[in-house]
Every structure is written in structure tokens, then in C-alpha cells.
């Protein structure tokens, strides 16, 4: 069973990954626009890359947090 500390840690990891992706999307305009949401707002290729990297790292950390405490590696 998952402990409260692990559950909170996982929520923090995914919240941090989301905040990173949103901050990257707000501060940069990398790549062509894939989808225009409104005048001056859209989804760029760089936004998708940033979210993919952030969520990939969050998934790796989540896997680490959910491992059995008796195991030595992530296999």
C-alpha cells in the first residue's frame, strides 16, 4: 500500500512538471505554431517538447518513488 508521504511526493513531482511546462510555454516561443487558440496565443512545437521532457522526468521519478523498498535497481 502506498504511504501518504509517497502520495504527496508524487503529487508534488507532477505539479512541478506541469508548472515547468506552463512556465516554458509562457516565457518562450520556440518552433512553429501548431494550434492557434486565440489572437496572440497558441501551442508551439517547443511547448510540446518541454511538456514531454517534464512529464518523462516526472514518470521516471514516480517509478522510483513507487518501487519496492527492498529492491536495489529500477529493473
Protein backbone atom coordinates (compact mmCIF):
# COMPACT_ATOMS: atom_id res chain seq x y z
CA UNK A 1 0.00 0.00 0.00
CA UNK A 2 1.23 3.50 -0.82
CA UNK A 3 2.03 5.78 2.09
CA UNK A 4 0.72 9.32 2.45
CA UNK A 5 4.27 10.67 2.14
CA UNK A 6 4.78 8.89 -1.19
CA UNK A 7 1.41 10.03 -2.50
CA UNK A 8 2.15 13.65 -1.59
CA UNK A 9 5.63 13.36 -3.13
CA UNK A 10 4.15 12.07 -6.38
CA UNK A 11 1.61 14.91 -6.46
CA UNK A 12 4.43 17.42 -5.92
CA UNK A 13 6.52 15.86 -8.70
CA UNK A 14 3.67 16.03 -11.24
CA UNK A 15 2.66 19.52 -10.10
CA UNK A 16 6.24 20.71 -10.54
CA UNK A 17 6.44 19.13 -14.00
CA UNK A 18 3.22 20.87 -15.01
CA UNK A 19 4.40 24.23 -13.65
CA UNK A 20 7.68 23.85 -15.58
CA UNK A 21 5.79 23.15 -18.80
CA UNK A 22 3.45 26.09 -18.29
CA UNK A 23 6.32 28.45 -17.42
CA UNK A 24 8.25 27.33 -20.50
CA UNK A 25 5.19 27.86 -22.68
CA UNK A 26 4.61 31.31 -21.21
CA UNK A 27 8.18 32.57 -21.50
CA UNK A 28 9.24 31.21 -24.90
CA UNK A 29 8.04 31.00 -28.49
CA UNK A 30 10.08 28.06 -29.78
CA UNK A 31 9.16 26.49 -33.09
CA UNK A 32 6.20 26.93 -35.38
CA UNK A 33 2.66 27.30 -34.08
CA UNK A 34 0.75 24.02 -34.24
CA UNK A 35 -2.58 25.31 -32.97
CA UNK A 36 -3.81 28.87 -32.64
CA UNK A 37 -6.07 29.27 -29.61
CA UNK A 38 -6.76 32.99 -29.95
CA UNK A 39 -5.05 36.10 -31.27
CA UNK A 40 -1.55 36.01 -29.78
CA UNK A 41 -1.97 32.63 -28.08
CA UNK A 42 -1.12 29.22 -29.45
CA UNK A 43 0.66 25.94 -28.95
CA UNK A 44 4.22 25.84 -30.26
CA UNK A 45 6.34 22.77 -31.02
CA UNK A 46 8.71 23.79 -28.22
CA UNK A 47 5.84 23.72 -25.73
CA UNK A 48 5.13 20.10 -26.59
CA UNK A 49 8.81 19.18 -26.29
CA UNK A 50 9.03 20.90 -22.88
CA UNK A 51 5.94 19.08 -21.59
CA UNK A 52 7.20 15.75 -22.96
CA UNK A 53 10.55 16.21 -21.20
CA UNK A 54 8.95 17.35 -17.94
CA UNK A 55 6.39 14.54 -17.90
CA UNK A 56 9.01 11.97 -18.89
CA UNK A 57 11.15 13.03 -15.94
CA UNK A 58 8.08 13.01 -13.66
CA UNK A 59 7.22 9.48 -14.80
CA UNK A 60 10.77 8.31 -14.05
CA UNK A 61 10.70 9.87 -10.57
CA UNK A 62 7.25 8.39 -9.94
CA UNK A 63 8.53 4.95 -10.88
CA UNK A 64 11.40 5.46 -8.46
CA UNK A 65 9.04 6.52 -5.66
CA UNK A 66 6.73 3.56 -6.23
CA UNK A 67 9.48 0.93 -6.25
CA UNK A 68 9.54 -1.76 -3.61
CA UNK A 69 11.81 -0.53 -0.77
CA UNK A 70 13.68 -3.86 -0.83
CA UNK A 71 14.84 -3.56 -4.45
CA UNK A 72 18.21 -2.13 -5.43
CA UNK A 73 17.60 -1.07 -9.03
CA UNK A 74 14.78 0.15 -11.28
CA UNK A 75 14.60 -3.10 -13.29
